[in-house]
């Protein structure tokens, strides 16, 4: 008797079948056994509109909040929602711009990108937990805020040929009395502390995957807030963003649907955006001033 595992069959609701244009059959289903590498190679010739994506999410989104978005005028504000993610990204940019306006005069700025090693068989939650542990080790006992003026961090998720890739883009700002050379040395110390923590905690983090470089403030703000669920496809071959997975899932791809569900599970209880140091404090002070 053969022990070969059969591909899992996923039942599709009649309403979803009509929307996806699938011919009705007694047992409408889609095959979810498609290899991820095939998913990465499959081209997307047409980019579905937000309204088309919402039709899919209203029935199939893992999060009840996303499924109920727009009901009675209530918005979910989720980063995983096709309707709200663009507004959320704009809100993040506005919050960051507000913090920068309210902060004392700012000098040099760096963008630090932090990654951990990943493999095709490693769950997204495990990769994310490893990254969180190293970011926490760098910030331990306020080390980060004692060495930079302030920071703004955004987490991004992608799936590559090597598996789930979670990375953090952090805008680091310094006071205007800090020379650029000193800011650059601080950036190097941050990366060294990150890699030391990886060695100490037994977390694989390749030095070549870490990057810190000077940025102009306006370019940095755009860079760390560039992604959301309706962002266009990435130009990097073999890379799938959440936006690309949503496009494929809305077309009935069960592999993409399962990957979106994994993103939903892994991101619960985690912050995708955070302010620290003088950026956080200055934003709170400005709001208090405006409210009095």
C-alpha atoms as a PDB file:
ATOM      1  CA  UNK A   1       0.000   0.000   0.000  1.00  0.00           C
ATOM      2  CA  UNK A   2       1.415   3.376  -0.967  1.00  0.00           C
ATOM      3  CA  UNK A   3       2.290   5.758   1.863  1.00  0.00           C
ATOM      4  CA  UNK A   4       2.632   8.812  -0.384  1.00  0.00           C
ATOM      5  CA  UNK A   5       0.799  11.746   1.178  1.00  0.00           C
ATOM      6  CA  UNK A   6      -2.048  13.066  -0.901  1.00  0.00           C
ATOM      7  CA  UNK A   7      -2.243  16.821  -1.590  1.00  0.00           C
ATOM      8  CA  UNK A   8      -4.523  18.579   0.855  1.00  0.00           C
ATOM      9  CA  UNK A   9      -7.766  19.743  -0.736  1.00  0.00           C
ATOM     10  CA  UNK A  10      -9.264  23.006   0.430  1.00  0.00           C
ATOM     11  CA  UNK A  11     -13.010  23.535   0.125  1.00  0.00           C
ATOM     12  CA  UNK A  12     -14.011  26.812  -1.498  1.00  0.00           C
ATOM     13  CA  UNK A  13     -17.321  28.445  -0.625  1.00  0.00           C
ATOM     14  CA  UNK A  14     -19.737  28.896  -3.567  1.00  0.00           C
ATOM     15  CA  UNK A  15     -19.579  32.698  -3.182  1.00  0.00           C
ATOM     16  CA  UNK A  16     -15.791  32.630  -3.368  1.00  0.00           C
ATOM     17  CA  UNK A  17     -15.895  30.315  -6.375  1.00  0.00           C
ATOM     18  CA  UNK A  18     -18.186  32.742  -8.206  1.00  0.00           C
ATOM     19  CA  UNK A  19     -15.897  35.684  -7.377  1.00  0.00           C
ATOM     20  CA  UNK A  20     -12.772  33.833  -8.514  1.00  0.00           C
ATOM     21  CA  UNK A  21     -14.488  32.702 -11.711  1.00  0.00           C
ATOM     22  CA  UNK A  22     -14.092  29.008 -10.908  1.00  0.00           C
ATOM     23  CA  UNK A  23     -16.616  26.781 -12.728  1.00  0.00           C
ATOM     24  CA  UNK A  24     -19.105  25.231 -10.307  1.00  0.00           C
ATOM     25  CA  UNK A  25     -18.580  21.562  -9.589  1.00  0.00           C
ATOM     26  CA  UNK A  26     -20.067  19.183  -7.000  1.00  0.00           C
ATOM     27  CA  UNK A  27     -16.935  19.555  -4.796  1.00  0.00           C
ATOM     28  CA  UNK A  28     -15.158  22.793  -5.727  1.00  0.00           C
ATOM     29  CA  UNK A  29     -11.648  22.797  -4.262  1.00  0.00           C
ATOM     30  CA  UNK A  30      -8.129  24.018  -4.880  1.00  0.00           C
ATOM     31  CA  UNK A  31      -4.889  22.103  -4.556  1.00  0.00           C
ATOM     32  CA  UNK A  32      -2.646  23.606  -1.840  1.00  0.00           C
ATOM     33  CA  UNK A  33       0.331  21.338  -2.538  1.00  0.00           C
ATOM     34  CA  UNK A  34       1.963  23.834  -4.918  1.00  0.00           C
ATOM     35  CA  UNK A  35       5.638  24.248  -4.121  1.00  0.00           C
ATOM     36  CA  UNK A  36       6.557  27.713  -2.834  1.00  0.00           C
ATOM     37  CA  UNK A  37       9.314  27.970  -5.442  1.00  0.00           C
ATOM     38  CA  UNK A  38       6.663  27.637  -8.148  1.00  0.00           C
ATOM     39  CA  UNK A  39       4.631  30.326  -6.410  1.00  0.00           C
ATOM     40  CA  UNK A  40       7.668  32.620  -6.484  1.00  0.00           C
ATOM     41  CA  UNK A  41       8.175  32.094 -10.207  1.00  0.00           C
ATOM     42  CA  UNK A  42       4.526  32.533 -11.220  1.00  0.00           C
ATOM     43  CA  UNK A  43       4.064  36.017 -12.746  1.00  0.00           C
ATOM     44  CA  UNK A  44       1.349  38.444 -11.724  1.00  0.00           C
ATOM     45  CA  UNK A  45       0.160  40.052 -14.932  1.00  0.00           C
ATOM     46  CA  UNK A  46      -2.731  41.990 -13.392  1.00  0.00           C
ATOM     47  CA  UNK A  47      -2.657  43.727 -10.003  1.00  0.00           C
ATOM     48  CA  UNK A  48      -6.078  43.373  -8.354  1.00  0.00           C
ATOM     49  CA  UNK A  49      -7.767  46.505  -6.993  1.00  0.00           C
ATOM     50  CA  UNK A  50      -8.361  47.132  -3.282  1.00  0.00           C
ATOM     51  CA  UNK A  51     -12.073  46.446  -3.712  1.00  0.00           C
ATOM     52  CA  UNK A  52     -11.297  43.062  -5.311  1.00  0.00           C
ATOM     53  CA  UNK A  53      -8.879  42.203  -2.495  1.00  0.00           C
ATOM     54  CA  UNK A  54     -11.493  43.190   0.070  1.00  0.00           C
ATOM     55  CA  UNK A  55     -13.997  40.731  -1.437  1.00  0.00           C
ATOM     56  CA  UNK A  56     -11.505  37.983  -0.675  1.00  0.00           C
ATOM     57  CA  UNK A  57     -10.624  39.271   2.808  1.00  0.00           C
ATOM     58  CA  UNK A  58     -14.258  39.772   3.813  1.00  0.00           C
ATOM     59  CA  UNK A  59     -14.702  35.999   3.581  1.00  0.00           C
ATOM     60  CA  UNK A  60     -11.256  34.485   4.088  1.00  0.00           C
ATOM     61  CA  UNK A  61      -9.046  36.735   6.252  1.00  0.00           C
ATOM     62  CA  UNK A  62      -7.730  34.814   9.317  1.00  0.00           C
ATOM     63  CA  UNK A  63      -8.462  37.794  11.576  1.00  0.00           C
ATOM     64  CA  UNK A  64     -12.111  38.475  12.447  1.00  0.00           C
ATOM     65  CA  UNK A  65     -11.256  42.177  12.774  1.00  0.00           C
ATOM     66  CA  UNK A  66     -10.069  42.292   9.144  1.00  0.00           C
ATOM     67  CA  UNK A  67     -13.129  40.350   7.959  1.00  0.00           C
ATOM     68  CA  UNK A  68     -15.432  42.812   9.730  1.00  0.00           C
ATOM     69  CA  UNK A  69     -13.575  45.925   8.538  1.00  0.00           C
ATOM     70  CA  UNK A  70     -16.009  48.498   7.161  1.00  0.00           C
ATOM     71  CA  UNK A  71     -19.060  47.017   8.878  1.00  0.00           C
ATOM     72  CA  UNK A  72     -21.106  49.881  10.343  1.00  0.00           C
ATOM     73  CA  UNK A  73     -18.302  52.236   9.378  1.00  0.00           C
ATOM     74  CA  UNK A  74     -15.774  50.713  11.780  1.00  0.00           C
ATOM     75  CA  UNK A  75     -12.263  50.339  10.374  1.00  0.00           C
ATOM     76  CA  UNK A  76      -9.928  47.633  11.669  1.00  0.00           C
ATOM     77  CA  UNK A  77      -6.715  49.700  11.225  1.00  0.00           C
ATOM     78  CA  UNK A  78      -4.807  46.449  10.722  1.00  0.00           C
ATOM     79  CA  UNK A  79      -1.502  46.325   8.854  1.00  0.00           C
ATOM     80  CA  UNK A  80      -2.822  43.116   7.225  1.00  0.00           C
ATOM     81  CA  UNK A  81      -5.965  44.733   5.773  1.00  0.00           C
ATOM     82  CA  UNK A  82      -6.103  45.752   2.106  1.00  0.00           C
ATOM     83  CA  UNK A  83      -8.428  48.637   2.995  1.00  0.00           C
ATOM     84  CA  UNK A  84      -6.551  49.948   6.045  1.00  0.00           C
ATOM     85  CA  UNK A  85      -2.866  49.112   5.494  1.00  0.00           C
ATOM     86  CA  UNK A  86      -2.263  52.053   3.143  1.00  0.00           C
ATOM     87  CA  UNK A  87      -3.878  54.421   5.650  1.00  0.00           C
ATOM     88  CA  UNK A  88      -1.897  52.808   8.453  1.00  0.00           C
ATOM     89  CA  UNK A  89       1.373  53.326   6.542  1.00  0.00           C
ATOM     90  CA  UNK A  90       0.412  56.972   5.978  1.00  0.00           C
ATOM     91  CA  UNK A  91      -0.377  57.270   9.694  1.00  0.00           C
ATOM     92  CA  UNK A  92       3.025  55.811  10.591  1.00  0.00           C
ATOM     93  CA  UNK A  93       4.715  58.360   8.309  1.00  0.00           C
ATOM     94  CA  UNK A  94       2.661  61.143   9.906  1.00  0.00           C
ATOM     95  CA  UNK A  95       3.553  59.976  13.417  1.00  0.00           C
ATOM     96  CA  UNK A  96       7.226  59.855  12.503  1.00  0.00           C
ATOM     97  CA  UNK A  97       7.119  63.278  10.840  1.00  0.00           C
ATOM     98  CA  UNK A  98       5.325  64.663  13.900  1.00  0.00           C
ATOM     99  CA  UNK A  99       8.002  63.231  16.182  1.00  0.00           C
ATOM    100  CA  UNK A 100      10.792  64.676  14.039  1.00  0.00           C
ATOM    101  CA  UNK A 101       9.162  68.130  14.015  1.00  0.00           C
ATOM    102  CA  UNK A 102       8.723  68.062  17.776  1.00  0.00           C
ATOM    103  CA  UNK A 103      12.215  66.811  18.600  1.00  0.00           C
ATOM    104  CA  UNK A 104      15.153  69.142  19.344  1.00  0.00           C
ATOM    105  CA  UNK A 105      17.277  70.064  16.354  1.00  0.00           C
ATOM    106  CA  UNK A 106      18.410  66.861  14.720  1.00  0.00           C
ATOM    107  CA  UNK A 107      21.832  66.243  13.235  1.00  0.00           C
ATOM    108  CA  UNK A 108      23.030  63.105  11.432  1.00  0.00           C
ATOM    109  CA  UNK A 109      20.651  60.245  10.634  1.00  0.00           C
ATOM    110  CA  UNK A 110      21.393  56.587   9.908  1.00  0.00           C
ATOM    111  CA  UNK A 111      19.233  53.671   8.799  1.00  0.00           C
ATOM    112  CA  UNK A 112      20.156  50.366  10.430  1.00  0.00           C
ATOM    113  CA  UNK A 113      18.824  47.143   8.873  1.00  0.00           C
ATOM    114  CA  UNK A 114      18.966  44.078  11.140  1.00  0.00           C
ATOM    115  CA  UNK A 115      18.368  40.494  10.009  1.00  0.00           C
ATOM    116  CA  UNK A 116      18.728  36.928  11.261  1.00  0.00           C
ATOM    117  CA  UNK A 117      19.586  33.828   9.245  1.00  0.00           C
ATOM    118  CA  UNK A 118      16.662  31.798   7.948  1.00  0.00           C
ATOM    119  CA  UNK A 119      16.034  28.423   6.324  1.00  0.00           C
ATOM    120  CA  UNK A 120      13.127  27.105   4.216  1.00  0.00           C
ATOM    121  CA  UNK A 121      11.863  24.819   6.998  1.00  0.00           C
ATOM    122  CA  UNK A 122      11.860  27.454   9.752  1.00  0.00           C
ATOM    123  CA  UNK A 123       8.524  28.860  10.922  1.00  0.00           C
ATOM    124  CA  UNK A 124       7.932  32.591  10.651  1.00  0.00           C
ATOM    125  CA  UNK A 125       7.255  32.901  14.386  1.00  0.00           C
ATOM    126  CA  UNK A 126      10.648  31.358  15.214  1.00  0.00           C
ATOM    127  CA  UNK A 127      12.520  33.725  12.890  1.00  0.00           C
ATOM    128  CA  UNK A 128      10.636  36.716  14.297  1.00  0.00           C
ATOM    129  CA  UNK A 129      11.306  35.646  17.910  1.00  0.00           C
ATOM    130  CA  UNK A 130      15.034  35.408  17.154  1.00  0.00           C
ATOM    131  CA  UNK A 131      15.053  38.923  15.688  1.00  0.00           C
ATOM    132  CA  UNK A 132      13.098  40.269  18.681  1.00  0.00           C
ATOM    133  CA  UNK A 133      15.618  38.699  21.063  1.00  0.00           C
ATOM    134  CA  UNK A 134      18.581  40.381  19.368  1.00  0.00           C
ATOM    135  CA  UNK A 135      16.876  43.780  19.100  1.00  0.00           C
ATOM    136  CA  UNK A 136      16.028  43.515  22.793  1.00  0.00           C
ATOM    137  CA  UNK A 137      19.632  42.653  23.636  1.00  0.00           C
ATOM    138  CA  UNK A 138      20.881  45.762  21.811  1.00  0.00           C
ATOM    139  CA  UNK A 139      18.409  47.978  23.692  1.00  0.00           C
ATOM    140  CA  UNK A 140      18.987  46.265  27.075  1.00  0.00           C
ATOM    141  CA  UNK A 141      19.229  48.689  30.012  1.00  0.00           C
ATOM    142  CA  UNK A 142      18.536  51.608  27.662  1.00  0.00           C
ATOM    143  CA  UNK A 143      21.872  51.142  25.913  1.00  0.00           C
ATOM    144  CA  UNK A 144      20.440  52.170  22.552  1.00  0.00           C
ATOM    145  CA  UNK A 145      18.718  55.345  23.756  1.00  0.00           C
ATOM    146  CA  UNK A 146      21.852  56.320  25.703  1.00  0.00           C
ATOM    147  CA  UNK A 147      23.925  56.157  22.527  1.00  0.00           C
ATOM    148  CA  UNK A 148      21.562  57.692  19.967  1.00  0.00           C
ATOM    149  CA  UNK A 149      19.202  60.629  20.239  1.00  0.00           C
ATOM    150  CA  UNK A 150      16.145  58.649  19.178  1.00  0.00           C
ATOM    151  CA  UNK A 151      14.938  55.934  16.849  1.00  0.00           C
ATOM    152  CA  UNK A 152      11.961  54.744  14.802  1.00  0.00           C
ATOM    153  CA  UNK A 153      11.711  51.061  13.896  1.00  0.00           C
ATOM    154  CA  UNK A 154       9.536  49.193  11.408  1.00  0.00           C
ATOM    155  CA  UNK A 155       9.407  45.411  10.949  1.00  0.00           C
ATOM    156  CA  UNK A 156       9.112  43.971   7.422  1.00  0.00           C
ATOM    157  CA  UNK A 157       8.264  40.406   6.381  1.00  0.00           C
ATOM    158  CA  UNK A 158       9.152  38.667   3.112  1.00  0.00           C
ATOM    159  CA  UNK A 159       9.404  35.096   1.878  1.00  0.00           C
ATOM    160  CA  UNK A 160      12.440  34.201  -0.221  1.00  0.00           C
ATOM    161  CA  UNK A 161      13.933  31.021  -1.640  1.00  0.00           C
ATOM    162  CA  UNK A 162      15.636  30.596   1.764  1.00  0.00           C
ATOM    163  CA  UNK A 163      12.355  30.819   3.701  1.00  0.00           C
ATOM    164  CA  UNK A 164      10.756  33.506   5.845  1.00  0.00           C
ATOM    165  CA  UNK A 165      12.837  36.683   6.030  1.00  0.00           C
ATOM    166  CA  UNK A 166      11.979  39.075   8.868  1.00  0.00           C
ATOM    167  CA  UNK A 167      14.046  42.234   9.171  1.00  0.00           C
ATOM    168  CA  UNK A 168      13.944  45.522  11.024  1.00  0.00           C
ATOM    169  CA  UNK A 169      14.585  48.941   9.486  1.00  0.00           C
ATOM    170  CA  UNK A 170      15.535  51.414  12.209  1.00  0.00           C
ATOM    171  CA  UNK A 171      15.974  55.141  11.673  1.00  0.00           C
ATOM    172  CA  UNK A 172      18.626  56.390  14.120  1.00  0.00           C
ATOM    173  CA  UNK A 173      18.818  60.142  14.749  1.00  0.00           C
ATOM    174  CA  UNK A 174      21.441  62.145  16.630  1.00  0.00           C
ATOM    175  CA  UNK A 175      21.591  65.643  18.076  1.00  0.00           C
ATOM    176  CA  UNK A 176      22.970  68.429  15.884  1.00  0.00           C
ATOM    177  CA  UNK A 177      26.051  68.585  18.112  1.00  0.00           C
ATOM    178  CA  UNK A 178      27.106  65.069  17.067  1.00  0.00           C
ATOM    179  CA  UNK A 179      29.625  64.934  14.186  1.00  0.00           C
ATOM    180  CA  UNK A 180      28.834  62.605  11.295  1.00  0.00           C
ATOM    181  CA  UNK A 181      31.987  60.606  11.981  1.00  0.00           C
ATOM    182  CA  UNK A 182      30.879  59.944  15.557  1.00  0.00           C
ATOM    183  CA  UNK A 183      27.413  58.914  14.374  1.00  0.00           C
ATOM    184  CA  UNK A 184      29.018  56.477  11.915  1.00  0.00           C
ATOM    185  CA  UNK A 185      31.135  54.945  14.694  1.00  0.00           C
ATOM    186  CA  UNK A 186      28.033  54.555  16.858  1.00  0.00           C
ATOM    187  CA  UNK A 187      26.323  52.733  13.987  1.00  0.00           C
ATOM    188  CA  UNK A 188      29.255  50.319  13.795  1.00  0.00           C
ATOM    189  CA  UNK A 189      29.064  49.748  17.565  1.00  0.00           C
ATOM    190  CA  UNK A 190      25.345  48.968  17.300  1.00  0.00           C
ATOM    191  CA  UNK A 191      25.965  46.301  14.645  1.00  0.00           C
ATOM    192  CA  UNK A 192      28.849  44.853  16.694  1.00  0.00           C
ATOM    193  CA  UNK A 193      26.629  44.683  19.798  1.00  0.00           C
ATOM    194  CA  UNK A 194      23.911  42.976  17.746  1.00  0.00           C
ATOM    195  CA  UNK A 195      26.318  40.333  16.421  1.00  0.00           C
ATOM    196  CA  UNK A 196      27.852  39.810  19.893  1.00  0.00           C
ATOM    197  CA  UNK A 197      24.361  39.152  21.252  1.00  0.00           C
ATOM    198  CA  UNK A 198      23.750  36.656  18.422  1.00  0.00           C
ATOM    199  CA  UNK A 199      26.915  34.732  19.396  1.00  0.00           C
ATOM    200  CA  UNK A 200      25.979  34.832  23.086  1.00  0.00           C
ATOM    201  CA  UNK A 201      22.403  33.661  22.542  1.00  0.00           C
ATOM    202  CA  UNK A 202      23.251  31.086  19.891  1.00  0.00           C
ATOM    203  CA  UNK A 203      21.226  32.828  17.166  1.00  0.00           C
ATOM    204  CA  UNK A 204      22.503  32.660  13.595  1.00  0.00           C
ATOM    205  CA  UNK A 205      22.937  36.175  12.197  1.00  0.00           C
ATOM    206  CA  UNK A 206      25.336  36.657   9.309  1.00  0.00           C
ATOM    207  CA  UNK A 207      27.432  39.841   9.445  1.00  0.00           C
ATOM    208  CA  UNK A 208      26.834  40.351   5.715  1.00  0.00           C
ATOM    209  CA  UNK A 209      23.093  40.614   6.396  1.00  0.00           C
ATOM    210  CA  UNK A 210      23.479  43.663   8.654  1.00  0.00           C
ATOM    211  CA  UNK A 211      23.688  47.172   7.277  1.00  0.00           C
ATOM    212  CA  UNK A 212      23.960  50.699   8.655  1.00  0.00           C
ATOM    213  CA  UNK A 213      24.370  53.755   6.447  1.00  0.00           C
ATOM    214  CA  UNK A 214      23.734  57.528   6.449  1.00  0.00           C
ATOM    215  CA  UNK A 215      20.402  58.768   5.089  1.00  0.00           C
ATOM    216  CA  UNK A 216      18.724  62.109   4.596  1.00  0.00           C
ATOM    217  CA  UNK A 217      15.725  62.434   6.911  1.00  0.00           C
ATOM    218  CA  UNK A 218      13.050  62.617   4.209  1.00  0.00           C
ATOM    219  CA  UNK A 219      14.496  59.619   2.340  1.00  0.00           C
ATOM    220  CA  UNK A 220      14.843  57.677   5.604  1.00  0.00           C
ATOM    221  CA  UNK A 221      11.215  58.294   6.587  1.00  0.00           C
ATOM    222  CA  UNK A 222      10.048  56.988   3.205  1.00  0.00           C
ATOM    223  CA  UNK A 223      12.375  53.986   3.386  1.00  0.00           C
ATOM    224  CA  UNK A 224      11.290  52.723   6.804  1.00  0.00           C
ATOM    225  CA  UNK A 225       7.564  53.126   6.018  1.00  0.00           C
ATOM    226  CA  UNK A 226       7.478  51.933   2.409  1.00  0.00           C
ATOM    227  CA  UNK A 227       5.543  48.662   2.650  1.00  0.00           C
ATOM    228  CA  UNK A 228       1.857  47.859   3.099  1.00  0.00           C
ATOM    229  CA  UNK A 229      -0.694  45.359   1.791  1.00  0.00           C
ATOM    230  CA  UNK A 230      -1.304  47.221  -1.478  1.00  0.00           C
ATOM    231  CA  UNK A 231       2.343  47.989  -2.278  1.00  0.00           C
ATOM    232  CA  UNK A 232       3.335  47.028  -5.819  1.00  0.00           C
ATOM    233  CA  UNK A 233       5.358  43.859  -6.485  1.00  0.00           C
ATOM    234  CA  UNK A 234       9.004  43.793  -5.453  1.00  0.00           C
ATOM    235  CA  UNK A 235      11.615  43.701  -8.204  1.00  0.00           C
ATOM    236  CA  UNK A 236      13.729  41.144  -6.292  1.00  0.00           C
ATOM    237  CA  UNK A 237      13.461  37.762  -8.061  1.00  0.00           C
ATOM    238  CA  UNK A 238      12.066  34.959  -5.893  1.00  0.00           C
ATOM    239  CA  UNK A 239      10.797  37.294  -3.159  1.00  0.00           C
ATOM    240  CA  UNK A 240       7.176  37.303  -2.005  1.00  0.00           C
ATOM    241  CA  UNK A 241       5.859  40.192   0.091  1.00  0.00           C
ATOM    242  CA  UNK A 242       2.586  40.048   2.065  1.00  0.00           C
ATOM    243  CA  UNK A 243       1.038  42.244  -0.641  1.00  0.00           C
ATOM    244  CA  UNK A 244       2.029  39.740  -3.344  1.00  0.00           C
ATOM    245  CA  UNK A 245       0.716  36.827  -1.265  1.00  0.00           C
ATOM    246  CA  UNK A 246      -2.611  38.637  -0.841  1.00  0.00           C
ATOM    247  CA  UNK A 247      -2.838  39.121  -4.618  1.00  0.00           C
ATOM    248  CA  UNK A 248      -2.303  35.406  -5.178  1.00  0.00           C
ATOM    249  CA  UNK A 249      -4.597  34.298  -2.359  1.00  0.00           C
ATOM    250  CA  UNK A 250      -7.395  36.462  -3.754  1.00  0.00           C
ATOM    251  CA  UNK A 251      -7.014  34.546  -7.031  1.00  0.00           C
ATOM    252  CA  UNK A 252      -7.596  31.274  -5.174  1.00  0.00           C
ATOM    253  CA  UNK A 253      -4.031  30.131  -4.441  1.00  0.00           C
ATOM    254  CA  UNK A 254      -4.293  28.028  -1.269  1.00  0.00           C
ATOM    255  CA  UNK A 255      -0.514  28.065  -0.653  1.00  0.00           C
ATOM    256  CA  UNK A 256      -0.526  31.863  -0.523  1.00  0.00           C
ATOM    257  CA  UNK A 257      -3.637  31.730   1.663  1.00  0.00           C
ATOM    258  CA  UNK A 258      -1.858  29.456   4.163  1.00  0.00           C
ATOM    259  CA  UNK A 259       1.198  31.737   4.189  1.00  0.00           C
ATOM    260  CA  UNK A 260      -1.001  34.759   4.964  1.00  0.00           C
ATOM    261  CA  UNK A 261      -2.520  32.812   7.855  1.00  0.00           C
ATOM    262  CA  UNK A 262       0.992  32.148   9.185  1.00  0.00           C
ATOM    263  CA  UNK A 263       1.786  35.879   9.006  1.00  0.00           C
ATOM    264  CA  UNK A 264      -1.426  36.598  10.928  1.00  0.00           C
ATOM    265  CA  UNK A 265      -0.547  34.106  13.695  1.00  0.00           C
ATOM    266  CA  UNK A 266       3.067  35.254  14.011  1.00  0.00           C
ATOM    267  CA  UNK A 267       2.253  38.985  14.142  1.00  0.00           C
ATOM    268  CA  UNK A 268      -0.342  38.805  16.927  1.00  0.00           C
ATOM    269  CA  UNK A 269       0.843  40.651  20.002  1.00  0.00           C
ATOM    270  CA  UNK A 270       3.858  42.115  18.210  1.00  0.00           C
ATOM    271  CA  UNK A 271       4.456  45.754  17.335  1.00  0.00           C
ATOM    272  CA  UNK A 272       5.334  46.477  13.734  1.00  0.00           C
ATOM    273  CA  UNK A 273       6.285  50.111  14.464  1.00  0.00           C
ATOM    274  CA  UNK A 274       7.928  51.709  17.500  1.00  0.00           C
ATOM    275  CA  UNK A 275       9.433  55.061  18.499  1.00  0.00           C
ATOM    276  CA  UNK A 276      12.166  55.453  21.112  1.00  0.00           C
ATOM    277  CA  UNK A 277      14.357  58.053  22.760  1.00  0.00           C
ATOM    278  CA  UNK A 278      13.762  61.710  21.996  1.00  0.00           C
ATOM    279  CA  UNK A 279      11.424  60.903  19.100  1.00  0.00           C
ATOM    280  CA  UNK A 280       8.965  59.173  21.398  1.00  0.00           C
ATOM    281  CA  UNK A 281       9.298  61.762  24.142  1.00  0.00           C
ATOM    282  CA  UNK A 282       9.020  64.735  21.798  1.00  0.00           C
ATOM    283  CA  UNK A 283       5.884  63.366  20.162  1.00  0.00           C
ATOM    284  CA  UNK A 284       4.198  62.874  23.554  1.00  0.00           C
ATOM    285  CA  UNK A 285       5.177  66.380  24.672  1.00  0.00           C
ATOM    286  CA  UNK A 286       3.793  67.926  21.471  1.00  0.00           C
ATOM    287  CA  UNK A 287       0.476  66.123  21.904  1.00  0.00           C
ATOM    288  CA  UNK A 288       0.219  67.230  25.518  1.00  0.00           C
ATOM    289  CA  UNK A 289       0.860  70.826  24.449  1.00  0.00           C
ATOM    290  CA  UNK A 290      -1.799  70.692  21.728  1.00  0.00           C
ATOM    291  CA  UNK A 291      -4.356  69.181  24.105  1.00  0.00           C
ATOM    292  CA  UNK A 292      -3.949  71.863  26.808  1.00  0.00           C
END
